[in-house]
All heavy atoms as atom14 arrays in JSON, in Angstrom:
{
  "sequence": "SRHGGTLEYEDSVKGRFTISRDDAKNAVSLQMNSLKPDDTAVYFCTAR",
  "atom14_mask": [
    [1, 1, 1, 1, 1, 1, 0, 0, 0, 0, 0, 0, 0, 0],
    [1, 1, 1, 1, 1, 1, 1, 1, 1, 1, 1, 0, 0, 0],
    [1, 1, 1, 1, 1, 1, 1, 1, 1, 1, 0, 0, 0, 0],
    [1, 1, 1, 1, 0, 0, 0, 0, 0, 0, 0, 0, 0, 0],
    [1, 1, 1, 1, 0, 0, 0, 0, 0, 0, 0, 0, 0, 0],
    [1, 1, 1, 1, 1, 1, 1, 0, 0, 0, 0, 0, 0, 0],
    [1, 1, 1, 1, 1, 1, 1, 1, 0, 0, 0, 0, 0, 0],
    [1, 1, 1, 1, 1, 1, 1, 1, 1, 0, 0, 0, 0, 0],
    [1, 1, 1, 1, 1, 1, 1, 1, 1, 1, 1, 1, 0, 0],
    [1, 1, 1, 1, 1, 1, 1, 1, 1, 0, 0, 0, 0, 0],
    [1, 1, 1, 1, 1, 1, 1, 1, 0, 0, 0, 0, 0, 0],
    [1, 1, 1, 1, 1, 1, 0, 0, 0, 0, 0, 0, 0, 0],
    [1, 1, 1, 1, 1, 1, 1, 0, 0, 0, 0, 0, 0, 0],
    [1, 1, 1, 1, 1, 1, 1, 1, 1, 0, 0, 0, 0, 0],
    [1, 1, 1, 1, 0, 0, 0, 0, 0, 0, 0, 0, 0, 0],
    [1, 1, 1, 1, 1, 1, 1, 1, 1, 1, 1, 0, 0, 0],
    [1, 1, 1, 1, 1, 1, 1, 1, 1, 1, 1, 0, 0, 0],
    [1, 1, 1, 1, 1, 1, 1, 0, 0, 0, 0, 0, 0, 0],
    [1, 1, 1, 1, 1, 1, 1, 1, 0, 0, 0, 0, 0, 0],
    [1, 1, 1, 1, 1, 1, 0, 0, 0, 0, 0, 0, 0, 0],
    [1, 1, 1, 1, 1, 1, 1, 1, 1, 1, 1, 0, 0, 0],
    [1, 1, 1, 1, 1, 1, 1, 1, 0, 0, 0, 0, 0, 0],
    [1, 1, 1, 1, 1, 1, 1, 1, 0, 0, 0, 0, 0, 0],
    [1, 1, 1, 1, 1, 0, 0, 0, 0, 0, 0, 0, 0, 0],
    [1, 1, 1, 1, 1, 1, 1, 1, 1, 0, 0, 0, 0, 0],
    [1, 1, 1, 1, 1, 1, 1, 1, 0, 0, 0, 0, 0, 0],
    [1, 1, 1, 1, 1, 0, 0, 0, 0, 0, 0, 0, 0, 0],
    [1, 1, 1, 1, 1, 1, 1, 0, 0, 0, 0, 0, 0, 0],
    [1, 1, 1, 1, 1, 1, 0, 0, 0, 0, 0, 0, 0, 0],
    [1, 1, 1, 1, 1, 1, 1, 1, 0, 0, 0, 0, 0, 0],
    [1, 1, 1, 1, 1, 1, 1, 1, 1, 0, 0, 0, 0, 0],
    [1, 1, 1, 1, 1, 1, 1, 1, 0, 0, 0, 0, 0, 0],
    [1, 1, 1, 1, 1, 1, 1, 1, 0, 0, 0, 0, 0, 0],
    [1, 1, 1, 1, 1, 1, 0, 0, 0, 0, 0, 0, 0, 0],
    [1, 1, 1, 1, 1, 1, 1, 1, 0, 0, 0, 0, 0, 0],
    [1, 1, 1, 1, 1, 1, 1, 1, 1, 0, 0, 0, 0, 0],
    [1, 1, 1, 1, 1, 1, 1, 0, 0, 0, 0, 0, 0, 0],
    [1, 1, 1, 1, 1, 1, 1, 1, 0, 0, 0, 0, 0, 0],
    [1, 1, 1, 1, 1, 1, 1, 1, 0, 0, 0, 0, 0, 0],
    [1, 1, 1, 1, 1, 1, 1, 0, 0, 0, 0, 0, 0, 0],
    [1, 1, 1, 1, 1, 0, 0, 0, 0, 0, 0, 0, 0, 0],
    [1, 1, 1, 1, 1, 1, 1, 0, 0, 0, 0, 0, 0, 0],
    [1, 1, 1, 1, 1, 1, 1, 1, 1, 1, 1, 1, 0, 0],
    [1, 1, 1, 1, 1, 1, 1, 1, 1, 1, 1, 0, 0, 0],
    [1, 1, 1, 1, 1, 1, 0, 0, 0, 0, 0, 0, 0, 0],
    [1, 1, 1, 1, 1, 1, 1, 0, 0, 0, 0, 0, 0, 0],
    [1, 1, 1, 1, 1, 0, 0, 0, 0, 0, 0, 0, 0, 0],
    [1, 1, 1, 1, 1, 1, 1, 1, 1, 1, 1, 0, 0, 0]
  ],
  "atom14_positions": [
    [[-141.44, 14.08, -115.37], [-141.47, 13.98, -113.92], [-141.86, 15.31, -113.29], [-141.92, 16.36, -113.96], [-140.1, 13.56, -113.4], [-139.12, 14.5, -113.8], [0.0, 0.0, 0.0], [0.0, 0.0, 0.0], [0.0, 0.0, 0.0], [0.0, 0.0, 0.0], [0.0, 0.0, 0.0], [0.0, 0.0, 0.0], [0.0, 0.0, 0.0], [0.0, 0.0, 0.0]],
    [[-142.09, 15.28, -111.98], [-142.44, 16.5, -111.25], [-141.39, 17.59, -111.43], [-141.71, 18.76, -111.61], [-142.6, 16.19, -109.76], [-143.94, 15.64, -109.36], [-144.03, 15.51, -107.83], [-143.89, 16.81, -107.17], [-143.86, 16.96, -105.85], [-143.93, 15.89, -105.06], [-143.74, 18.15, -105.31], [0.0, 0.0, 0.0], [0.0, 0.0, 0.0], [0.0, 0.0, 0.0]],
    [[-140.13, 17.21, -111.36], [-139.06, 18.2, -111.45], [-138.68, 18.52, -112.89], [-137.87, 19.41, -113.13], [-137.83, 17.7, -110.67], [-137.37, 16.34, -111.06], [-136.58, 16.1, -112.16], [-137.61, 15.12, -110.5], [-136.33, 14.81, -112.23], [-136.95, 14.19, -111.25], [0.0, 0.0, 0.0], [0.0, 0.0, 0.0], [0.0, 0.0, 0.0], [0.0, 0.0, 0.0]],
    [[-139.25, 17.78, -113.84], [-138.98, 18.06, -115.23], [-137.69, 17.47, -115.76], [-137.38, 17.6, -116.95], [0.0, 0.0, 0.0], [0.0, 0.0, 0.0], [0.0, 0.0, 0.0], [0.0, 0.0, 0.0], [0.0, 0.0, 0.0], [0.0, 0.0, 0.0], [0.0, 0.0, 0.0], [0.0, 0.0, 0.0], [0.0, 0.0, 0.0], [0.0, 0.0, 0.0]],
    [[-136.93, 16.8, -114.89], [-135.64, 16.29, -115.31], [-135.68, 14.91, -115.93], [-134.69, 14.47, -116.53], [0.0, 0.0, 0.0], [0.0, 0.0, 0.0], [0.0, 0.0, 0.0], [0.0, 0.0, 0.0], [0.0, 0.0, 0.0], [0.0, 0.0, 0.0], [0.0, 0.0, 0.0], [0.0, 0.0, 0.0], [0.0, 0.0, 0.0], [0.0, 0.0, 0.0]],
    [[-136.79, 14.23, -115.79], [-136.94, 12.9, -116.38], [-138.02, 12.94, -117.43], [-139.16, 13.32, -117.16], [-137.3, 11.86, -115.31], [-136.27, 11.81, -114.32], [-137.47, 10.49, -115.94], [0.0, 0.0, 0.0], [0.0, 0.0, 0.0], [0.0, 0.0, 0.0], [0.0, 0.0, 0.0], [0.0, 0.0, 0.0], [0.0, 0.0, 0.0], [0.0, 0.0, 0.0]],
    [[-137.63, 12.58, -118.64], [-138.56, 12.54, -119.77], [-138.53, 11.13, -120.34], [-137.46, 10.54, -120.49], [-138.15, 13.53, -120.86], [-137.88, 14.97, -120.45], [-137.41, 15.78, -121.65], [-139.11, 15.59, -119.83], [0.0, 0.0, 0.0], [0.0, 0.0, 0.0], [0.0, 0.0, 0.0], [0.0, 0.0, 0.0], [0.0, 0.0, 0.0], [0.0, 0.0, 0.0]],
    [[-139.69, 10.6, -120.66], [-139.74, 9.3, -121.3], [-140.68, 9.36, -122.5], [-141.68, 10.09, -122.47], [-140.21, 8.22, -120.32], [-139.2, 7.92, -119.22], [-139.46, 6.62, -118.51], [-140.34, 5.85, -118.94], [-138.76, 6.37, -117.5], [0.0, 0.0, 0.0], [0.0, 0.0, 0.0], [0.0, 0.0, 0.0], [0.0, 0.0, 0.0], [0.0, 0.0, 0.0]],
    [[-140.34, 8.59, -123.52], [-141.11, 8.58, -124.75], [-141.33, 7.15, -125.23], [-140.47, 6.29, -125.05], [-140.39, 9.35, -125.85], [-140.2, 10.81, -125.55], [-139.03, 11.28, -124.96], [-141.2, 11.74, -125.84], [-138.86, 12.63, -124.67], [-141.04, 13.09, -125.55], [-139.86, 13.52, -124.97], [-139.7, 14.86, -124.69], [0.0, 0.0, 0.0], [0.0, 0.0, 0.0]],
    [[-142.44, 6.94, -125.85], [-142.68, 5.68, -126.54], [-141.73, 5.64, -127.74], [-141.42, 6.67, -128.34], [-144.14, 5.62, -126.99], [-144.62, 4.26, -127.44], [-144.46, 4.06, -128.93], [-144.53, 5.04, -129.66], [-144.26, 2.89, -129.35], [0.0, 0.0, 0.0], [0.0, 0.0, 0.0], [0.0, 0.0, 0.0], [0.0, 0.0, 0.0], [0.0, 0.0, 0.0]],
    [[-141.23, 4.47, -128.06], [-140.17, 4.36, -129.06], [-140.53, 5.0, -130.4], [-139.68, 5.63, -131.04], [-139.81, 2.89, -129.28], [-139.01, 2.31, -128.14], [-138.53, 3.09, -127.28], [-138.86, 1.07, -128.07], [0.0, 0.0, 0.0], [0.0, 0.0, 0.0], [0.0, 0.0, 0.0], [0.0, 0.0, 0.0], [0.0, 0.0, 0.0], [0.0, 0.0, 0.0]],
    [[-141.75, 4.86, -130.84], [-142.11, 5.34, -132.18], [-142.17, 6.86, -132.27], [-142.2, 7.41, -133.37], [-143.46, 4.75, -132.61], [-144.52, 5.31, -131.86], [0.0, 0.0, 0.0], [0.0, 0.0, 0.0], [0.0, 0.0, 0.0], [0.0, 0.0, 0.0], [0.0, 0.0, 0.0], [0.0, 0.0, 0.0], [0.0, 0.0, 0.0], [0.0, 0.0, 0.0]],
    [[-142.17, 7.56, -131.14], [-142.24, 9.03, -131.19], [-140.93, 9.69, -130.78], [-140.8, 10.92, -130.87], [-143.39, 9.57, -130.3], [-144.7, 8.88, -130.63], [-143.07, 9.46, -128.82], [0.0, 0.0, 0.0], [0.0, 0.0, 0.0], [0.0, 0.0, 0.0], [0.0, 0.0, 0.0], [0.0, 0.0, 0.0], [0.0, 0.0, 0.0], [0.0, 0.0, 0.0]],
    [[-139.96, 8.9, -130.34], [-138.66, 9.47, -129.94], [-138.05, 10.23, -131.1], [-138.02, 9.77, -132.23], [-137.72, 8.35, -129.49], [-138.0, 7.83, -128.11], [-137.0, 6.74, -127.73], [-137.28, 6.19, -126.34], [-136.36, 5.07, -126.0], [0.0, 0.0, 0.0], [0.0, 0.0, 0.0], [0.0, 0.0, 0.0], [0.0, 0.0, 0.0], [0.0, 0.0, 0.0]],
    [[-137.55, 11.42, -130.8], [-136.94, 12.25, -131.82], [-137.93, 13.09, -132.61], [-137.52, 13.98, -133.37], [0.0, 0.0, 0.0], [0.0, 0.0, 0.0], [0.0, 0.0, 0.0], [0.0, 0.0, 0.0], [0.0, 0.0, 0.0], [0.0, 0.0, 0.0], [0.0, 0.0, 0.0], [0.0, 0.0, 0.0], [0.0, 0.0, 0.0], [0.0, 0.0, 0.0]],
    [[-139.21, 12.82, -132.44], [-140.25, 13.58, -133.16], [-141.12, 14.39, -132.2], [-141.56, 15.5, -132.54], [-141.13, 12.64, -133.98], [-140.4, 11.83, -135.02], [-141.37, 11.08, -135.93], [-142.19, 10.1, -135.21], [-143.52, 10.11, -135.21], [-144.19, 11.04, -135.86], [-144.19, 9.17, -134.54], [0.0, 0.0, 0.0], [0.0, 0.0, 0.0], [0.0, 0.0, 0.0]],
    [[-141.39, 13.84, -131.02], [-142.27, 14.49, -130.04], [-141.44, 14.99, -128.87], [-140.44, 14.37, -128.48], [-143.31, 13.51, -129.51], [-144.37, 13.08, -130.48], [-144.28, 13.36, -131.83], [-145.48, 12.39, -130.03], [-145.26, 12.95, -132.72], [-146.47, 11.97, -130.89], [-146.35, 12.26, -132.25], [0.0, 0.0, 0.0], [0.0, 0.0, 0.0], [0.0, 0.0, 0.0]],
    [[-141.88, 16.1, -128.29], [-141.23, 16.65, -127.11], [-142.28, 17.08, -126.09], [-143.16, 17.88, -126.4], [-140.36, 17.87, -127.47], [-139.4, 17.5, -128.46], [-139.63, 18.39, -126.23], [0.0, 0.0, 0.0], [0.0, 0.0, 0.0], [0.0, 0.0, 0.0], [0.0, 0.0, 0.0], [0.0, 0.0, 0.0], [0.0, 0.0, 0.0], [0.0, 0.0, 0.0]],
    [[-142.15, 16.55, -124.89], [-143.05, 16.94, -123.8], [-142.35, 18.01, -122.96], [-141.14, 17.96, -122.77], [-143.45, 15.72, -122.93], [-144.53, 16.11, -121.92], [-142.23, 15.1, -122.26], [-145.11, 14.91, -121.16], [0.0, 0.0, 0.0], [0.0, 0.0, 0.0], [0.0, 0.0, 0.0], [0.0, 0.0, 0.0], [0.0, 0.0, 0.0], [0.0, 0.0, 0.0]],
    [[-143.12, 18.97, -122.49], [-142.57, 20.02, -121.64], [-143.62, 20.48, -120.65], [-144.81, 20.23, -120.84], [-142.07, 21.2, -122.47], [-143.13, 21.77, -123.21], [0.0, 0.0, 0.0], [0.0, 0.0, 0.0], [0.0, 0.0, 0.0], [0.0, 0.0, 0.0], [0.0, 0.0, 0.0], [0.0, 0.0, 0.0], [0.0, 0.0, 0.0], [0.0, 0.0, 0.0]],
    [[-143.17, 21.16, -119.61], [-144.1, 21.66, -118.61], [-143.72, 23.07, -118.22], [-142.54, 23.44, -118.22], [-144.1, 20.75, -117.37], [-142.78, 20.64, -116.64], [-142.84, 19.55, -115.55], [-143.81, 19.89, -114.51], [-144.47, 19.0, -113.8], [-144.29, 17.71, -114.01], [-145.31, 19.38, -112.86], [0.0, 0.0, 0.0], [0.0, 0.0, 0.0], [0.0, 0.0, 0.0]],
    [[-144.72, 23.87, -117.87], [-144.52, 25.23, -117.38], [-145.33, 25.34, -116.1], [-146.53, 25.61, -116.13], [-144.98, 26.23, -118.44], [-144.65, 27.67, -118.05], [-144.48, 27.94, -116.84], [-144.57, 28.51, -118.95], [0.0, 0.0, 0.0], [0.0, 0.0, 0.0], [0.0, 0.0, 0.0], [0.0, 0.0, 0.0], [0.0, 0.0, 0.0], [0.0, 0.0, 0.0]],
    [[-144.66, 25.12, -114.97], [-145.37, 25.11, -113.7], [-145.97, 26.48, -113.37], [-147.01, 26.57, -112.72], [-144.44, 24.65, -112.57], [-144.09, 23.18, -112.67], [-144.7, 22.47, -113.51], [-143.22, 22.71, -111.92], [0.0, 0.0, 0.0], [0.0, 0.0, 0.0], [0.0, 0.0, 0.0], [0.0, 0.0, 0.0], [0.0, 0.0, 0.0], [0.0, 0.0, 0.0]],
    [[-145.32, 27.55, -113.81], [-145.84, 28.88, -113.54], [-147.18, 29.11, -114.23], [-148.03, 29.85, -113.73], [-144.83, 29.92, -113.98], [0.0, 0.0, 0.0], [0.0, 0.0, 0.0], [0.0, 0.0, 0.0], [0.0, 0.0, 0.0], [0.0, 0.0, 0.0], [0.0, 0.0, 0.0], [0.0, 0.0, 0.0], [0.0, 0.0, 0.0], [0.0, 0.0, 0.0]],
    [[-147.35, 28.48, -115.38], [-148.59, 28.64, -116.15], [-149.56, 27.48, -115.94], [-150.64, 27.45, -116.53], [-148.27, 28.77, -117.64], [-147.5, 30.02, -117.98], [-147.27, 30.13, -119.49], [-146.54, 31.42, -119.84], [-146.29, 31.54, -121.31], [0.0, 0.0, 0.0], [0.0, 0.0, 0.0], [0.0, 0.0, 0.0], [0.0, 0.0, 0.0], [0.0, 0.0, 0.0]],
    [[-149.15, 26.52, -115.11], [-149.97, 25.34, -114.88], [-150.35, 24.67, -116.2], [-151.54, 24.36, -116.46], [-151.24, 25.69, -114.09], [-151.17, 25.23, -112.64], [-150.09, 25.01, -112.09], [-152.31, 25.1, -112.01], [0.0, 0.0, 0.0], [0.0, 0.0, 0.0], [0.0, 0.0, 0.0], [0.0, 0.0, 0.0], [0.0, 0.0, 0.0], [0.0, 0.0, 0.0]],
    [[-149.36, 24.45, -117.04], [-149.64, 23.91, -118.37], [-148.55, 22.93, -118.79], [-147.38, 23.06, -118.4], [-149.73, 25.04, -119.38], [0.0, 0.0, 0.0], [0.0, 0.0, 0.0], [0.0, 0.0, 0.0], [0.0, 0.0, 0.0], [0.0, 0.0, 0.0], [0.0, 0.0, 0.0], [0.0, 0.0, 0.0], [0.0, 0.0, 0.0], [0.0, 0.0, 0.0]],
    [[-148.97, 21.96, -119.58], [-148.07, 20.97, -120.15], [-148.29, 20.96, -121.66], [-149.42, 21.17, -122.12], [-148.35, 19.58, -119.56], [-147.44, 18.53, -120.19], [-148.16, 19.6, -118.06], [0.0, 0.0, 0.0], [0.0, 0.0, 0.0], [0.0, 0.0, 0.0], [0.0, 0.0, 0.0], [0.0, 0.0, 0.0], [0.0, 0.0, 0.0], [0.0, 0.0, 0.0]],
    [[-147.22, 20.73, -122.41], [-147.34, 20.73, -123.86], [-146.73, 19.47, -124.45], [-145.88, 18.82, -123.82], [-146.63, 21.95, -124.45], [-147.25, 23.14, -124.03], [0.0, 0.0, 0.0], [0.0, 0.0, 0.0], [0.0, 0.0, 0.0], [0.0, 0.0, 0.0], [0.0, 0.0, 0.0], [0.0, 0.0, 0.0], [0.0, 0.0, 0.0], [0.0, 0.0, 0.0]],
    [[-147.18, 19.15, -125.65], [-146.59, 18.06, -126.42], [-146.38, 18.59, -127.84], [-147.35, 18.8, -128.58], [-147.49, 16.83, -126.44], [-146.91, 15.62, -127.17], [-145.72, 15.04, -126.38], [-147.97, 14.54, -127.37], [0.0, 0.0, 0.0], [0.0, 0.0, 0.0], [0.0, 0.0, 0.0], [0.0, 0.0, 0.0], [0.0, 0.0, 0.0], [0.0, 0.0, 0.0]],
    [[-145.13, 18.85, -128.18], [-144.79, 19.29, -129.53], [-144.6, 18.07, -130.39], [-143.78, 17.19, -130.07], [-143.51, 20.13, -129.51], [-143.05, 20.57, -130.88], [-144.0, 21.55, -131.54], [-144.51, 22.46, -130.87], [-144.25, 21.39, -132.82], [0.0, 0.0, 0.0], [0.0, 0.0, 0.0], [0.0, 0.0, 0.0], [0.0, 0.0, 0.0], [0.0, 0.0, 0.0]],
    [[-145.34, 17.98, -131.48], [-145.31, 16.81, -132.35], [-144.85, 17.23, -133.74], [-145.54, 18.02, -134.41], [-146.69, 16.15, -132.41], [-147.28, 15.83, -131.05], [-148.81, 14.88, -131.13], [-149.87, 16.06, -131.97], [0.0, 0.0, 0.0], [0.0, 0.0, 0.0], [0.0, 0.0, 0.0], [0.0, 0.0, 0.0], [0.0, 0.0, 0.0], [0.0, 0.0, 0.0]],
    [[-143.72, 16.73, -134.16], [-143.16, 17.04, -135.48], [-143.1, 15.78, -136.33], [-143.2, 14.66, -135.82], [-141.76, 17.62, -135.32], [-141.74, 18.92, -134.54], [-142.67, 19.71, -134.59], [-140.65, 19.14, -133.8], [0.0, 0.0, 0.0], [0.0, 0.0, 0.0], [0.0, 0.0, 0.0], [0.0, 0.0, 0.0], [0.0, 0.0, 0.0], [0.0, 0.0, 0.0]],
    [[-142.92, 15.97, -137.62], [-142.8, 14.85, -138.56], [-143.92, 13.84, -138.35], [-143.69, 12.63, -138.25], [-141.44, 14.17, -138.39], [-140.4, 15.09, -138.61], [0.0, 0.0, 0.0], [0.0, 0.0, 0.0], [0.0, 0.0, 0.0], [0.0, 0.0, 0.0], [0.0, 0.0, 0.0], [0.0, 0.0, 0.0], [0.0, 0.0, 0.0], [0.0, 0.0, 0.0]],
    [[-145.12, 14.34, -138.29], [-146.26, 13.47, -137.98], [-146.51, 12.46, -139.09], [-146.26, 12.72, -140.28], [-147.51, 14.32, -137.75], [-147.56, 14.99, -136.38], [-148.55, 16.14, -136.36], [-147.91, 13.97, -135.3], [0.0, 0.0, 0.0], [0.0, 0.0, 0.0], [0.0, 0.0, 0.0], [0.0, 0.0, 0.0], [0.0, 0.0, 0.0], [0.0, 0.0, 0.0]],
    [[-146.97, 11.29, -138.67], [-147.25, 10.19, -139.58], [-148.72, 9.78, -139.45], [-149.32, 10.0, -138.39], [-146.36, 8.99, -139.22], [-144.89, 9.28, -139.19], [-144.11, 8.07, -138.69], [-142.62, 8.35, -138.63], [-141.84, 7.17, -138.14], [0.0, 0.0, 0.0], [0.0, 0.0, 0.0], [0.0, 0.0, 0.0], [0.0, 0.0, 0.0], [0.0, 0.0, 0.0]],
    [[-149.27, 9.14, -140.46], [-150.66, 8.68, -140.34], [-150.88, 7.77, -139.13], [-151.96, 7.8, -138.52], [-150.88, 7.92, -141.66], [-149.99, 8.63, -142.63], [-148.76, 8.99, -141.83], [0.0, 0.0, 0.0], [0.0, 0.0, 0.0], [0.0, 0.0, 0.0], [0.0, 0.0, 0.0], [0.0, 0.0, 0.0], [0.0, 0.0, 0.0], [0.0, 0.0, 0.0]],
    [[-149.88, 7.01, -138.74], [-150.0, 6.13, -137.56], [-150.13, 6.92, -136.26], [-150.46, 6.33, -135.22], [-148.79, 5.2, -137.46], [-148.86, 4.05, -138.46], [-149.94, 3.87, -139.09], [-147.86, 3.34, -138.63], [0.0, 0.0, 0.0], [0.0, 0.0, 0.0], [0.0, 0.0, 0.0], [0.0, 0.0, 0.0], [0.0, 0.0, 0.0], [0.0, 0.0, 0.0]],
    [[-149.87, 8.21, -136.29], [-150.03, 9.03, -135.09], [-151.48, 9.45, -134.88], [-151.81, 10.06, -133.87], [-149.16, 10.29, -135.18], [-147.67, 9.98, -135.18], [-147.25, 9.08, -134.42], [-146.93, 10.63, -135.95], [0.0, 0.0, 0.0], [0.0, 0.0, 0.0], [0.0, 0.0, 0.0], [0.0, 0.0, 0.0], [0.0, 0.0, 0.0], [0.0, 0.0, 0.0]],
    [[-152.34, 9.15, -135.83], [-153.75, 9.51, -135.73], [-154.38, 8.83, -134.52], [-154.33, 7.6, -134.39], [-154.49, 9.12, -137.01], [-153.99, 9.89, -138.1], [-155.99, 9.36, -136.87], [0.0, 0.0, 0.0], [0.0, 0.0, 0.0], [0.0, 0.0, 0.0], [0.0, 0.0, 0.0], [0.0, 0.0, 0.0], [0.0, 0.0, 0.0], [0.0, 0.0, 0.0]],
    [[-154.98, 9.62, -133.65], [-155.58, 9.1, -132.42], [-156.19, 10.26, -131.64], [-155.97, 11.43, -131.98], [-154.53, 8.4, -131.57], [0.0, 0.0, 0.0], [0.0, 0.0, 0.0], [0.0, 0.0, 0.0], [0.0, 0.0, 0.0], [0.0, 0.0, 0.0], [0.0, 0.0, 0.0], [0.0, 0.0, 0.0], [0.0, 0.0, 0.0], [0.0, 0.0, 0.0]],
    [[-156.89, 9.91, -130.58], [-157.29, 10.9, -129.59], [-156.17, 10.94, -128.54], [-155.76, 9.9, -128.03], [-158.62, 10.54, -128.92], [-158.97, 11.57, -127.84], [-159.74, 10.47, -129.97], [0.0, 0.0, 0.0], [0.0, 0.0, 0.0], [0.0, 0.0, 0.0], [0.0, 0.0, 0.0], [0.0, 0.0, 0.0], [0.0, 0.0, 0.0], [0.0, 0.0, 0.0]],
    [[-155.7, 12.14, -128.26], [-154.59, 12.32, -127.32], [-155.11, 12.83, -125.99], [-155.9, 13.79, -125.95], [-153.57, 13.29, -127.9], [-152.7, 12.64, -128.96], [-153.23, 12.32, -130.21], [-151.36, 12.35, -128.71], [-152.44, 11.7, -131.17], [-150.57, 11.75, -129.67], [-151.11, 11.42, -130.9], [-150.33, 10.81, -131.86], [0.0, 0.0, 0.0], [0.0, 0.0, 0.0]],
    [[-154.67, 12.18, -124.92], [-155.13, 12.49, -123.57], [-153.97, 12.99, -122.71], [-152.88, 12.4, -122.72], [-155.73, 11.26, -122.9], [-156.93, 10.7, -123.59], [-156.8, 9.76, -124.61], [-158.2, 11.1, -123.21], [-157.9, 9.23, -125.24], [-159.32, 10.57, -123.84], [-159.17, 9.64, -124.85], [0.0, 0.0, 0.0], [0.0, 0.0, 0.0], [0.0, 0.0, 0.0]],
    [[-154.25, 14.02, -121.95], [-153.31, 14.51, -120.93], [-153.66, 13.83, -119.61], [-154.85, 13.65, -119.28], [-153.47, 16.02, -120.8], [-152.44, 16.8, -119.54], [0.0, 0.0, 0.0], [0.0, 0.0, 0.0], [0.0, 0.0, 0.0], [0.0, 0.0, 0.0], [0.0, 0.0, 0.0], [0.0, 0.0, 0.0], [0.0, 0.0, 0.0], [0.0, 0.0, 0.0]],
    [[-152.63, 13.44, -118.86], [-152.86, 12.75, -117.59], [-151.96, 13.34, -116.51], [-150.89, 13.86, -116.79], [-152.56, 11.25, -117.73], [-151.19, 11.07, -118.14], [-153.46, 10.59, -118.76], [0.0, 0.0, 0.0], [0.0, 0.0, 0.0], [0.0, 0.0, 0.0], [0.0, 0.0, 0.0], [0.0, 0.0, 0.0], [0.0, 0.0, 0.0], [0.0, 0.0, 0.0]],
    [[-152.41, 13.21, -115.26], [-151.65, 13.72, -114.12], [-151.58, 12.66, -113.03], [-152.54, 11.91, -112.81], [-152.31, 14.98, -113.57], [0.0, 0.0, 0.0], [0.0, 0.0, 0.0], [0.0, 0.0, 0.0], [0.0, 0.0, 0.0], [0.0, 0.0, 0.0], [0.0, 0.0, 0.0], [0.0, 0.0, 0.0], [0.0, 0.0, 0.0], [0.0, 0.0, 0.0]],
    [[-150.44, 12.62, -112.37], [-150.23, 11.64, -111.31], [-149.63, 12.36, -110.11], [-148.5, 12.86, -110.19], [-149.29, 10.54, -111.81], [-148.99, 9.45, -110.81], [-148.1, 8.41, -111.43], [-147.81, 7.32, -110.51], [-146.6, 6.83, -110.3], [-145.56, 7.33, -110.95], [-146.43, 5.85, -109.46], [0.0, 0.0, 0.0], [0.0, 0.0, 0.0], [0.0, 0.0, 0.0]]
  ]
}
């Protein structure tokens, strides 16, 4: 969310992926751990 207090994840990535934001740096990150072959894809950043 805008304030960073609400995080949501797709069920298959819960506990493995972490989304974060740094408003001072105008940047968003997605830390992905314990990756699986099913995670193979093109990943897109989106803004609303």
